[in-house]
Amino acid sequence: MYYSTIHSHTNYCDGNNTAEEMVLTAIAKGMKTIGISTHGPLPFEAKWSVGKDKVDTYIDEIKALKEKYSDKIEVLLGMELDYFIDTEFEHIDKSLFEKLDYFIGSIHYLGRFDDGKRWAVDGPYDYVLEGIKASYGGDIKKAVGDYYHHLSKMVEKYKPTLVGHMDLVKKNNKNNALFNENASWYKEAVCGFLDTVKNTDTVIEINTGGMARGYVTEQYPSIWILEEIRLRKIPVTVNSDAHSAENITCMFDEMYTLCKELNLENLVYLTNNGWKKIDL
């Protein structure tokens, strides 16, 4: 039996399956809850996010699925919303927050190229280097520090239900190609962010999506970060960030085992009645 995933994507954004296919797969996997969290509207056109003209259709469909399968699984209406370091959530209609059961706050875009176009921290390696050069004069330490600084600002001001893939900056950092993840400045940046989270109701996710798509060889966040999360007693939930139905529970058994080995006592999953604790 699997508990839940509330980070999942459909063909409303860059997912491969319909929302109903995701729900049916979750039911087949014996999950208690499934949250659909399509990438929310952006201030520019992007194939990987839902268009503003499709938001109401998306909401109506998830609500219909919630009712249709209520006797088999709890379906939650969510969105993954992008926070921008210069404009925050200004591109989001404020009424949208009230329509959702929950939202995931994520930072993908950290700066702009010289032509004004935004660049994402999870883009290809050379592209990220170009972005850091344009926005930070090539200072990777400053760029990474800025990422965690703005994650903290987002949590403090907007209190998202969940923070998406909190150490996404490591996606291109295989063998410490960009920065040393054991460096004291990096650990201070991460821990500073966690100190902000611990004073809110925001939950941190263990995200297996990078492994499912072959981008990384371990979950977000790294094990040493999970140990810092445990020390601060911050609630944690396991999510697949699935972009296809086949990956909806990718590496979940391994993640539950890891949580047990790390003695993560604050492991939770989201329901229509709020967070519930998991006793592994």
Protein backbone atom coordinates (compact mmCIF):
# COMPACT_ATOMS: atom_id res chain seq x y z
CA MET A 1 0.00 0.00 0.00
CA TYR A 2 1.17 3.52 -0.83
CA TYR A 3 -0.02 6.56 1.04
CA SER A 4 -0.10 9.47 -1.34
CA THR A 5 1.52 11.71 -3.87
CA ILE A 6 0.37 15.29 -4.22
CA HIS A 7 3.02 16.31 -6.73
CA SER A 8 1.86 14.98 -10.09
CA HIS A 9 1.49 16.39 -13.58
CA THR A 10 -0.93 15.73 -16.42
CA ASN A 11 -1.36 16.69 -20.05
CA TYR A 12 -2.67 20.05 -18.88
CA CYS A 13 1.03 20.91 -18.60
CA ASP A 14 4.06 18.72 -19.39
CA GLY A 15 2.64 15.42 -18.20
CA ASN A 16 1.95 12.50 -20.52
CA ASN A 17 -1.38 11.30 -19.11
CA THR A 18 -4.81 12.69 -18.42
CA ALA A 19 -5.84 13.56 -14.89
CA GLU A 20 -8.25 10.62 -14.84
CA GLU A 21 -5.51 8.22 -15.92
CA MET A 22 -3.39 9.45 -13.02
CA VAL A 23 -6.26 8.94 -10.60
CA LEU A 24 -6.99 5.44 -11.88
CA THR A 25 -3.33 4.48 -11.57
CA ALA A 26 -3.25 5.79 -8.01
CA ILE A 27 -6.30 3.66 -7.20
CA ALA A 28 -4.65 0.60 -8.75
CA LYS A 29 -1.57 1.25 -6.59
CA GLY A 30 -3.72 1.29 -3.46
CA MET A 31 -3.01 4.92 -2.64
CA LYS A 32 -5.04 6.75 -0.03
CA THR A 33 -4.87 10.15 -1.74
CA ILE A 34 -3.77 11.60 -5.07
CA GLY A 35 -3.14 15.29 -5.57
CA ILE A 36 -3.06 16.65 -9.12
CA SER A 37 -0.72 19.64 -9.26
CA THR A 38 -0.40 20.88 -12.83
CA HIS A 39 2.16 23.62 -13.41
CA GLY A 40 0.27 26.87 -12.91
CA PRO A 41 0.05 29.83 -15.29
CA LEU A 42 3.23 31.76 -16.06
CA PRO A 43 3.72 35.39 -17.11
CA PHE A 44 4.88 34.14 -20.50
CA GLU A 45 4.01 31.34 -22.91
CA ALA A 46 5.43 27.93 -22.01
CA LYS A 47 4.50 24.46 -23.22
CA TRP A 48 5.12 22.97 -19.79
CA SER A 49 2.50 24.98 -17.89
CA VAL A 50 -1.27 25.27 -18.09
CA GLY A 51 -2.54 28.21 -20.14
CA LYS A 52 -4.61 30.84 -18.35
CA ASP A 53 -7.51 29.97 -20.64
CA LYS A 54 -7.44 26.36 -19.42
CA VAL A 55 -7.33 26.99 -15.66
CA ASP A 56 -11.10 26.85 -15.10
CA THR A 57 -11.40 23.70 -17.22
CA TYR A 58 -8.64 22.09 -15.16
CA ILE A 59 -10.30 23.01 -11.89
CA ASP A 60 -13.68 21.72 -13.02
CA GLU A 61 -12.20 18.41 -14.18
CA ILE A 62 -10.33 17.72 -10.95
CA LYS A 63 -13.44 18.56 -8.93
CA ALA A 64 -15.44 16.15 -11.09
CA LEU A 65 -12.83 13.40 -10.53
CA LYS A 66 -12.91 14.12 -6.81
CA GLU A 67 -16.63 13.35 -6.81
CA LYS A 68 -16.50 10.47 -9.30
CA TYR A 69 -13.93 8.44 -7.37
CA SER A 70 -14.78 9.55 -3.82
CA ASP A 71 -15.56 5.97 -2.79
CA LYS A 72 -12.14 4.73 -3.93
CA ILE A 73 -9.62 7.50 -3.22
CA GLU A 74 -9.34 11.06 -2.02
CA VAL A 75 -8.56 13.36 -4.95
CA LEU A 76 -7.01 16.75 -4.15
CA LEU A 77 -6.99 19.83 -6.37
CA GLY A 78 -3.60 21.47 -6.44
CA MET A 79 -1.13 23.41 -8.56
CA GLU A 80 2.61 23.86 -8.65
CA LEU A 81 3.09 27.61 -8.78
CA ASP A 82 6.30 29.31 -9.83
CA TYR A 83 7.72 32.01 -7.58
CA PHE A 84 9.88 34.59 -9.34
CA ILE A 85 12.60 36.41 -7.45
CA ASP A 86 11.67 39.78 -8.96
CA THR A 87 7.87 39.56 -9.23
CA GLU A 88 7.00 36.81 -6.72
CA PHE A 89 3.46 35.52 -7.47
CA GLU A 90 2.21 38.68 -9.19
CA HIS A 91 1.30 36.67 -12.30
CA ILE A 92 -1.18 34.55 -10.33
CA ASP A 93 -4.80 35.64 -9.97
CA LYS A 94 -5.18 35.84 -6.18
CA SER A 95 -8.60 34.17 -6.35
CA LEU A 96 -6.86 31.03 -7.61
CA PHE A 97 -5.30 30.33 -4.21
CA GLU A 98 -8.77 30.13 -2.67
CA LYS A 99 -9.98 27.62 -5.27
CA LEU A 100 -7.21 25.10 -4.61
CA ASP A 101 -6.99 22.48 -1.89
CA TYR A 102 -3.26 23.13 -1.72
CA PHE A 103 -0.38 24.58 -3.70
CA ILE A 104 3.26 23.73 -4.20
CA GLY A 105 5.61 26.70 -4.17
CA SER A 106 8.64 26.17 -6.40
CA ILE A 107 11.48 28.19 -7.86
CA HIS A 108 12.58 27.14 -11.31
CA TYR A 109 13.61 30.52 -12.73
CA LEU A 110 16.41 32.33 -10.95
CA GLY A 111 17.40 35.15 -13.28
CA ARG A 112 17.41 36.61 -16.77
CA PHE A 113 19.71 36.48 -19.77
CA ASP A 114 20.98 39.70 -21.30
CA ASP A 115 17.97 39.76 -23.65
CA GLY A 116 15.60 39.73 -20.69
CA LYS A 117 14.45 36.12 -21.06
CA ARG A 118 14.35 34.12 -17.84
CA TRP A 119 16.58 31.11 -17.29
CA ALA A 120 15.81 28.07 -15.15
CA VAL A 121 18.03 26.39 -12.57
CA ASP A 122 16.99 22.96 -13.85
CA GLY A 123 17.88 23.58 -17.48
CA PRO A 124 20.82 21.95 -19.30
CA TYR A 125 24.27 22.39 -17.72
CA ASP A 126 25.70 24.88 -20.25
CA TYR A 127 22.46 26.85 -20.26
CA VAL A 128 22.58 27.19 -16.47
CA LEU A 129 26.21 28.36 -16.62
CA GLU A 130 25.21 31.00 -19.18
CA GLY A 131 22.39 32.12 -16.93
CA ILE A 132 24.65 32.43 -13.89
CA LYS A 133 27.14 34.39 -15.96
CA ALA A 134 24.42 36.79 -17.14
CA SER A 135 22.74 37.27 -13.76
CA TYR A 136 25.57 36.80 -11.27
CA GLY A 137 28.74 37.50 -13.22
CA GLY A 138 29.51 33.78 -13.12
CA ASP A 139 29.43 33.66 -9.31
CA ILE A 140 27.86 30.24 -8.69
CA LYS A 141 28.07 30.61 -4.91
CA LYS A 142 26.05 33.81 -5.08
CA ALA A 143 23.50 32.27 -7.43
CA VAL A 144 22.93 29.21 -5.23
CA GLY A 145 22.78 31.37 -2.11
CA ASP A 146 20.20 33.56 -3.83
CA TYR A 147 18.10 30.50 -4.66
CA TYR A 148 17.78 29.52 -1.00
CA HIS A 149 17.33 33.15 0.09
CA HIS A 150 14.31 33.51 -2.18
CA LEU A 151 12.92 30.10 -1.23
CA SER A 152 12.95 31.45 2.33
CA LYS A 153 11.18 34.65 1.28
CA MET A 154 8.53 32.66 -0.55
CA VAL A 155 7.83 30.43 2.45
CA GLU A 156 7.83 33.29 4.93
CA LYS A 157 5.47 35.51 2.93
CA TYR A 158 3.16 33.07 1.13
CA LYS A 159 3.34 29.92 3.26
CA PRO A 160 2.81 27.34 0.50
CA THR A 161 1.36 23.99 1.52
CA LEU A 162 4.50 22.38 0.19
CA VAL A 163 7.92 23.40 -1.14
CA GLY A 164 8.77 21.68 -4.41
CA HIS A 165 12.12 19.86 -4.83
CA MET A 166 13.90 22.18 -2.40
CA ASP A 167 17.46 21.46 -3.59
CA LEU A 168 16.70 21.57 -7.31
CA VAL A 169 19.97 23.48 -7.79
CA LYS A 170 21.83 20.17 -7.47
CA LYS A 171 20.29 18.76 -10.66
CA ASN A 172 23.37 19.69 -12.73
CA ASN A 173 25.83 19.21 -9.89
CA LYS A 174 26.93 15.63 -10.46
CA ASN A 175 30.39 15.11 -8.93
CA ASN A 176 30.15 18.70 -7.60
CA ALA A 177 30.49 20.05 -11.13
CA LEU A 178 29.02 23.42 -10.15
CA PHE A 179 29.68 23.71 -6.43
CA ASN A 180 30.74 21.65 -3.42
CA GLU A 181 27.64 20.44 -1.60
CA ASN A 182 29.76 19.82 1.49
CA ALA A 183 31.01 23.41 1.62
CA SER A 184 30.12 25.30 4.78
CA TRP A 185 28.52 28.18 2.84
CA TYR A 186 26.17 25.75 1.08
CA LYS A 187 25.15 24.05 4.29
CA GLU A 188 24.55 27.44 5.90
CA ALA A 189 22.31 28.48 3.00
CA VAL A 190 20.28 25.27 3.21
CA CYS A 191 19.99 25.37 6.99
CA GLY A 192 18.99 29.03 6.90
CA PHE A 193 16.10 28.07 4.64
CA LEU A 194 15.11 25.17 6.90
CA ASP A 195 15.13 27.49 9.92
CA THR A 196 12.53 29.60 8.10
CA VAL A 197 10.38 26.59 7.23
CA LYS A 198 10.33 25.23 10.78
CA ASN A 199 8.44 28.34 11.95
CA THR A 200 5.62 27.80 9.43
CA ASP A 201 3.12 25.08 8.55
CA THR A 202 4.83 24.43 5.21
CA VAL A 203 5.87 20.84 4.51
CA ILE A 204 9.03 19.65 2.70
CA GLU A 205 8.73 16.93 0.08
CA ILE A 206 10.95 13.96 -0.63
CA ASN A 207 10.75 14.07 -4.42
CA THR A 208 11.66 11.11 -6.62
CA GLY A 209 10.87 12.76 -9.95
CA GLY A 210 14.49 13.50 -10.84
CA MET A 211 15.36 9.84 -10.47
CA ALA A 212 12.35 8.72 -12.48
CA ARG A 213 13.45 10.85 -15.43
CA GLY A 214 17.14 10.03 -15.09
CA TYR A 215 18.29 13.51 -14.10
CA VAL A 216 19.75 12.60 -10.71
CA THR A 217 20.67 9.43 -8.85
CA GLU A 218 19.15 10.37 -5.50
CA GLN A 219 16.01 12.02 -4.25
CA TYR A 220 15.47 15.70 -3.57
CA PRO A 221 16.59 16.61 -0.94
CA SER A 222 19.92 14.97 -0.16
CA ILE A 223 20.21 12.67 2.85
CA TRP A 224 22.19 15.16 4.94
CA ILE A 225 19.39 17.70 4.39
CA LEU A 226 16.81 15.16 5.51
CA GLU A 227 18.83 14.72 8.69
CA GLU A 228 18.73 18.49 9.27
CA ILE A 229 14.98 18.41 8.61
CA ARG A 230 14.60 15.67 11.23
CA LEU A 231 16.52 17.72 13.79
CA ARG A 232 14.12 20.63 13.22
CA LYS A 233 11.05 18.36 13.31
CA ILE A 234 9.81 19.73 9.98
CA PRO A 235 7.01 17.61 8.46
CA VAL A 236 7.98 15.63 5.36
CA THR A 237 5.88 13.96 2.67
CA VAL A 238 6.88 11.57 -0.11
CA ASN A 239 6.00 12.64 -3.67
CA SER A 240 6.82 11.27 -7.10
CA ASP A 241 6.51 14.49 -9.12
CA ALA A 242 5.22 12.06 -11.72
CA HIS A 243 4.94 13.25 -15.32
CA SER A 244 3.56 9.88 -16.40
CA ALA A 245 1.25 7.35 -14.78
CA GLU A 246 3.92 4.64 -14.78
CA ASN A 247 6.09 6.69 -12.41
CA ILE A 248 3.38 7.61 -9.94
CA THR A 249 5.03 5.61 -7.12
CA CYS A 250 8.60 5.62 -8.44
CA MET A 251 11.05 4.57 -5.69
CA PHE A 252 8.40 4.89 -2.98
CA ASP A 253 9.36 1.65 -1.23
CA GLU A 254 12.95 2.85 -1.09
CA MET A 255 11.88 6.26 0.22
CA TYR A 256 9.71 4.76 2.97
CA THR A 257 12.67 2.60 3.96
CA LEU A 258 14.96 5.64 3.97
CA CYS A 259 12.52 7.57 6.15
CA LYS A 260 12.45 4.68 8.61
CA GLU A 261 16.26 4.43 8.67
CA LEU A 262 16.55 8.18 9.30
CA ASN A 263 13.88 8.06 12.00
CA LEU A 264 11.80 10.72 10.31
CA GLU A 265 8.99 10.84 12.84
CA ASN A 266 7.17 13.72 11.13
CA LEU A 267 6.30 11.87 7.92
CA VAL A 268 2.85 12.96 6.72
CA TYR A 269 0.42 12.74 3.81
CA LEU A 270 -2.25 15.22 2.77
CA THR A 271 -5.99 14.48 2.84
CA ASN A 272 -9.12 16.55 2.30
CA ASN A 273 -9.11 17.03 6.08
CA GLY A 274 -5.51 18.20 6.31
CA TRP A 275 -2.21 16.48 7.00
CA LYS A 276 -2.17 13.06 8.63
CA LYS A 277 0.83 11.39 10.20
CA ILE A 278 2.36 8.20 8.79
CA ASP A 279 3.66 5.62 11.24
CA LEU A 280 6.02 3.40 9.26
